[in-house]
Structure formats: structure tokens, C-alpha cells
N, C-alpha and C. Protein backbone atom coordinates (compact mmCIF):
# COMPACT_ATOMS: atom_id res chain seq x y z
N MET A 1 152.30 95.24 109.28
CA MET A 1 152.09 94.97 110.69
C MET A 1 153.18 94.05 111.23
N GLY A 2 153.63 93.13 110.39
CA GLY A 2 154.67 92.21 110.83
C GLY A 2 155.97 92.90 111.17
N VAL A 3 156.33 93.91 110.39
CA VAL A 3 157.56 94.66 110.66
C VAL A 3 157.45 95.39 112.00
N ILE A 4 156.31 96.00 112.24
CA ILE A 4 156.10 96.73 113.49
C ILE A 4 156.17 95.78 114.68
N ARG A 5 155.51 94.64 114.57
CA ARG A 5 155.52 93.68 115.68
C ARG A 5 156.93 93.13 115.90
N PHE A 6 157.66 92.88 114.82
CA PHE A 6 159.01 92.35 114.94
C PHE A 6 159.94 93.36 115.61
N VAL A 7 159.85 94.62 115.23
CA VAL A 7 160.72 95.65 115.80
C VAL A 7 160.36 95.90 117.27
N THR A 8 159.07 95.96 117.59
CA THR A 8 158.68 96.23 118.97
C THR A 8 158.91 95.02 119.88
N ALA A 9 159.15 93.85 119.29
CA ALA A 9 159.44 92.68 120.11
C ALA A 9 160.71 92.87 120.92
N PHE A 10 161.63 93.66 120.41
CA PHE A 10 162.89 93.85 121.12
C PHE A 10 162.79 94.89 122.23
N ASP A 11 161.66 95.60 122.31
CA ASP A 11 161.42 96.50 123.43
C ASP A 11 160.81 95.76 124.61
N GLU A 12 160.22 94.62 124.35
CA GLU A 12 159.57 93.82 125.39
C GLU A 12 160.61 92.93 126.05
N TYR A 13 160.54 92.79 127.36
CA TYR A 13 161.44 91.87 128.03
C TYR A 13 160.86 90.47 128.08
N ARG A 14 159.57 90.41 128.37
CA ARG A 14 158.91 89.11 128.49
C ARG A 14 158.37 88.68 127.13
N HIS A 15 158.51 87.43 126.84
CA HIS A 15 157.98 86.81 125.62
C HIS A 15 158.55 87.46 124.36
N ARG A 16 159.76 87.87 124.41
CA ARG A 16 160.40 88.52 123.26
C ARG A 16 160.43 87.58 122.06
N GLY A 17 160.74 86.33 122.30
CA GLY A 17 160.83 85.36 121.22
C GLY A 17 159.50 85.13 120.52
N TRP A 18 158.42 85.06 121.30
CA TRP A 18 157.10 84.84 120.71
C TRP A 18 156.67 86.03 119.86
N HIS A 19 156.94 87.23 120.35
CA HIS A 19 156.59 88.43 119.58
C HIS A 19 157.40 88.51 118.29
N ALA A 20 158.68 88.17 118.38
CA ALA A 20 159.53 88.20 117.19
C ALA A 20 159.08 87.13 116.19
N LEU A 21 158.71 85.95 116.69
CA LEU A 21 158.23 84.89 115.80
C LEU A 21 156.93 85.29 115.11
N ALA A 22 156.01 85.86 115.86
CA ALA A 22 154.73 86.30 115.27
C ALA A 22 154.97 87.39 114.24
N GLY A 23 155.87 88.32 114.53
CA GLY A 23 156.18 89.38 113.58
C GLY A 23 156.81 88.84 112.31
N ALA A 24 157.70 87.87 112.46
CA ALA A 24 158.34 87.28 111.28
C ALA A 24 157.33 86.53 110.43
N LEU A 25 156.43 85.79 111.06
CA LEU A 25 155.40 85.07 110.30
C LEU A 25 154.46 86.03 109.58
N GLU A 26 154.08 87.11 110.25
CA GLU A 26 153.22 88.11 109.60
C GLU A 26 153.95 88.77 108.43
N LEU A 27 155.22 89.02 108.60
CA LEU A 27 156.01 89.62 107.54
C LEU A 27 156.10 88.69 106.33
N ILE A 28 156.36 87.42 106.57
CA ILE A 28 156.43 86.44 105.48
C ILE A 28 155.09 86.31 104.76
N ALA A 29 154.01 86.26 105.52
CA ALA A 29 152.68 86.17 104.90
C ALA A 29 152.37 87.41 104.09
N GLY A 30 152.74 88.57 104.59
CA GLY A 30 152.52 89.81 103.84
C GLY A 30 153.31 89.86 102.56
N ILE A 31 154.55 89.42 102.61
CA ILE A 31 155.37 89.39 101.40
C ILE A 31 154.79 88.42 100.38
N ALA A 32 154.32 87.27 100.85
CA ALA A 32 153.73 86.28 99.93
C ALA A 32 152.50 86.84 99.24
N ILE A 33 151.68 87.58 99.96
CA ILE A 33 150.47 88.14 99.37
C ILE A 33 150.80 89.24 98.38
N VAL A 34 151.75 90.10 98.72
CA VAL A 34 152.11 91.21 97.84
C VAL A 34 152.89 90.73 96.62
N ALA A 35 153.75 89.73 96.80
CA ALA A 35 154.61 89.27 95.71
C ALA A 35 153.83 88.54 94.62
N ASN A 36 152.74 87.91 94.98
CA ASN A 36 151.97 87.16 94.00
C ASN A 36 150.54 87.70 93.96
N PRO A 37 150.24 88.58 93.03
CA PRO A 37 148.90 89.16 92.99
C PRO A 37 147.82 88.14 92.61
N ASN A 38 148.21 87.02 92.06
CA ASN A 38 147.23 85.99 91.70
C ASN A 38 147.04 84.97 92.80
N ILE A 39 147.34 85.35 94.01
CA ILE A 39 147.29 84.42 95.13
C ILE A 39 145.86 83.93 95.39
N GLY A 40 144.91 84.74 95.11
CA GLY A 40 143.52 84.32 95.23
C GLY A 40 142.94 84.57 96.60
N TYR A 41 141.63 84.65 96.61
CA TYR A 41 140.92 84.90 97.86
C TYR A 41 140.98 83.71 98.79
N THR A 42 141.05 82.52 98.25
CA THR A 42 141.07 81.33 99.09
C THR A 42 142.32 81.29 99.95
N THR A 43 143.47 81.54 99.35
CA THR A 43 144.71 81.53 100.11
C THR A 43 144.73 82.66 101.12
N LEU A 44 144.25 83.81 100.74
CA LEU A 44 144.18 84.92 101.67
C LEU A 44 143.26 84.59 102.84
N ALA A 45 142.13 83.97 102.56
CA ALA A 45 141.20 83.58 103.62
C ALA A 45 141.83 82.54 104.54
N ILE A 46 142.59 81.62 103.98
CA ILE A 46 143.26 80.61 104.81
C ILE A 46 144.29 81.26 105.73
N LEU A 47 145.08 82.19 105.19
CA LEU A 47 146.08 82.87 106.01
C LEU A 47 145.44 83.69 107.13
N VAL A 48 144.37 84.37 106.81
CA VAL A 48 143.66 85.15 107.83
C VAL A 48 143.04 84.23 108.87
N GLY A 49 142.47 83.12 108.41
CA GLY A 49 141.87 82.15 109.33
C GLY A 49 142.90 81.56 110.29
N ILE A 50 144.07 81.23 109.77
CA ILE A 50 145.13 80.71 110.63
C ILE A 50 145.53 81.77 111.66
N GLY A 51 145.60 83.01 111.22
CA GLY A 51 145.92 84.10 112.15
C GLY A 51 144.88 84.23 113.25
N PHE A 52 143.61 84.11 112.90
CA PHE A 52 142.54 84.19 113.91
C PHE A 52 142.62 83.02 114.88
N ILE A 53 142.92 81.83 114.38
CA ILE A 53 143.02 80.67 115.26
C ILE A 53 144.17 80.82 116.24
N VAL A 54 145.32 81.25 115.74
CA VAL A 54 146.48 81.45 116.61
C VAL A 54 146.20 82.54 117.64
N ASN A 55 145.55 83.61 117.22
CA ASN A 55 145.20 84.68 118.14
C ASN A 55 144.23 84.18 119.20
N GLY A 56 143.27 83.36 118.81
CA GLY A 56 142.31 82.80 119.76
C GLY A 56 142.97 81.89 120.77
N ILE A 57 143.92 81.08 120.32
CA ILE A 57 144.65 80.21 121.25
C ILE A 57 145.45 81.04 122.24
N GLY A 58 146.07 82.10 121.76
CA GLY A 58 146.82 82.97 122.65
C GLY A 58 145.94 83.67 123.67
N LEU A 59 144.78 84.13 123.24
CA LEU A 59 143.86 84.79 124.18
C LEU A 59 143.29 83.80 125.19
N THR A 60 143.05 82.57 124.77
CA THR A 60 142.58 81.54 125.70
C THR A 60 143.64 81.24 126.75
N ALA A 61 144.89 81.12 126.33
CA ALA A 61 145.98 80.89 127.27
C ALA A 61 146.11 82.07 128.24
N LEU A 62 145.96 83.28 127.73
CA LEU A 62 146.00 84.46 128.59
C LEU A 62 144.88 84.43 129.61
N GLY A 63 143.68 84.04 129.18
CA GLY A 63 142.55 83.94 130.10
C GLY A 63 142.78 82.93 131.20
N TRP A 64 143.35 81.77 130.85
CA TRP A 64 143.66 80.78 131.87
C TRP A 64 144.72 81.30 132.84
N GLY A 65 145.69 82.02 132.33
CA GLY A 65 146.71 82.59 133.20
C GLY A 65 146.13 83.62 134.16
N ILE A 66 145.24 84.45 133.66
CA ILE A 66 144.60 85.45 134.53
C ILE A 66 143.73 84.77 135.57
N ARG A 67 143.09 83.68 135.19
CA ARG A 67 142.24 82.92 136.13
C ARG A 67 143.09 82.37 137.27
N GLU A 68 144.27 81.85 136.94
CA GLU A 68 145.16 81.32 138.00
C GLU A 68 145.66 82.44 138.91
N VAL A 69 145.94 83.60 138.34
CA VAL A 69 146.37 84.73 139.16
C VAL A 69 145.26 85.15 140.11
N ARG A 70 144.02 85.16 139.61
CA ARG A 70 142.89 85.52 140.47
C ARG A 70 142.71 84.54 141.60
N ARG A 71 142.88 83.26 141.31
CA ARG A 71 142.75 82.23 142.36
C ARG A 71 143.86 82.39 143.41
N THR A 72 145.05 82.68 142.95
CA THR A 72 146.17 82.86 143.88
C THR A 72 145.97 84.10 144.74
N ALA A 73 145.46 85.16 144.16
CA ALA A 73 145.25 86.41 144.90
C ALA A 73 144.13 86.27 145.92
N ALA A 74 143.16 85.42 145.65
CA ALA A 74 142.03 85.25 146.58
C ALA A 74 142.45 84.31 147.66
């Protein structure tokens, strides 16, 4: 998924850097998991949890942005 996000980041004009950064981080995490089969469920759970937290922060910021757009439009 990281490779796909990284490559498609260059098709986006807005927030290209953030998409490329997220893709690179996902790619590094994927390589770490595949390269070390003894990584354990705990480390995998931590990586997934960090991903969920970052995704939640991004969605919260998006919600606040949409709220401001709605206020401006009204």
C-alpha cells in the first residue's frame, strides 16, 4: 500500500508532500514487517495503532476544515 500511495502522491497537486511522506512511512513499516518474521504481534499492533492514530488526526483536521468551509459558505 505504501508504494501505491507514494506513486500516486505525484499525481496529486495539493498536499503532495504529505502523501509522499505517508507512502514512504508505510513502505518502511511494510519492509520492517516482511524482513523480520519474528517481529511479533506486539510490534505489529503498535505499528497499526500508530497508523490508526495518525489517520484519526488527519480525519479530525479534515472535519474542522470542512466545518470552516460550511461556515464561510453560509
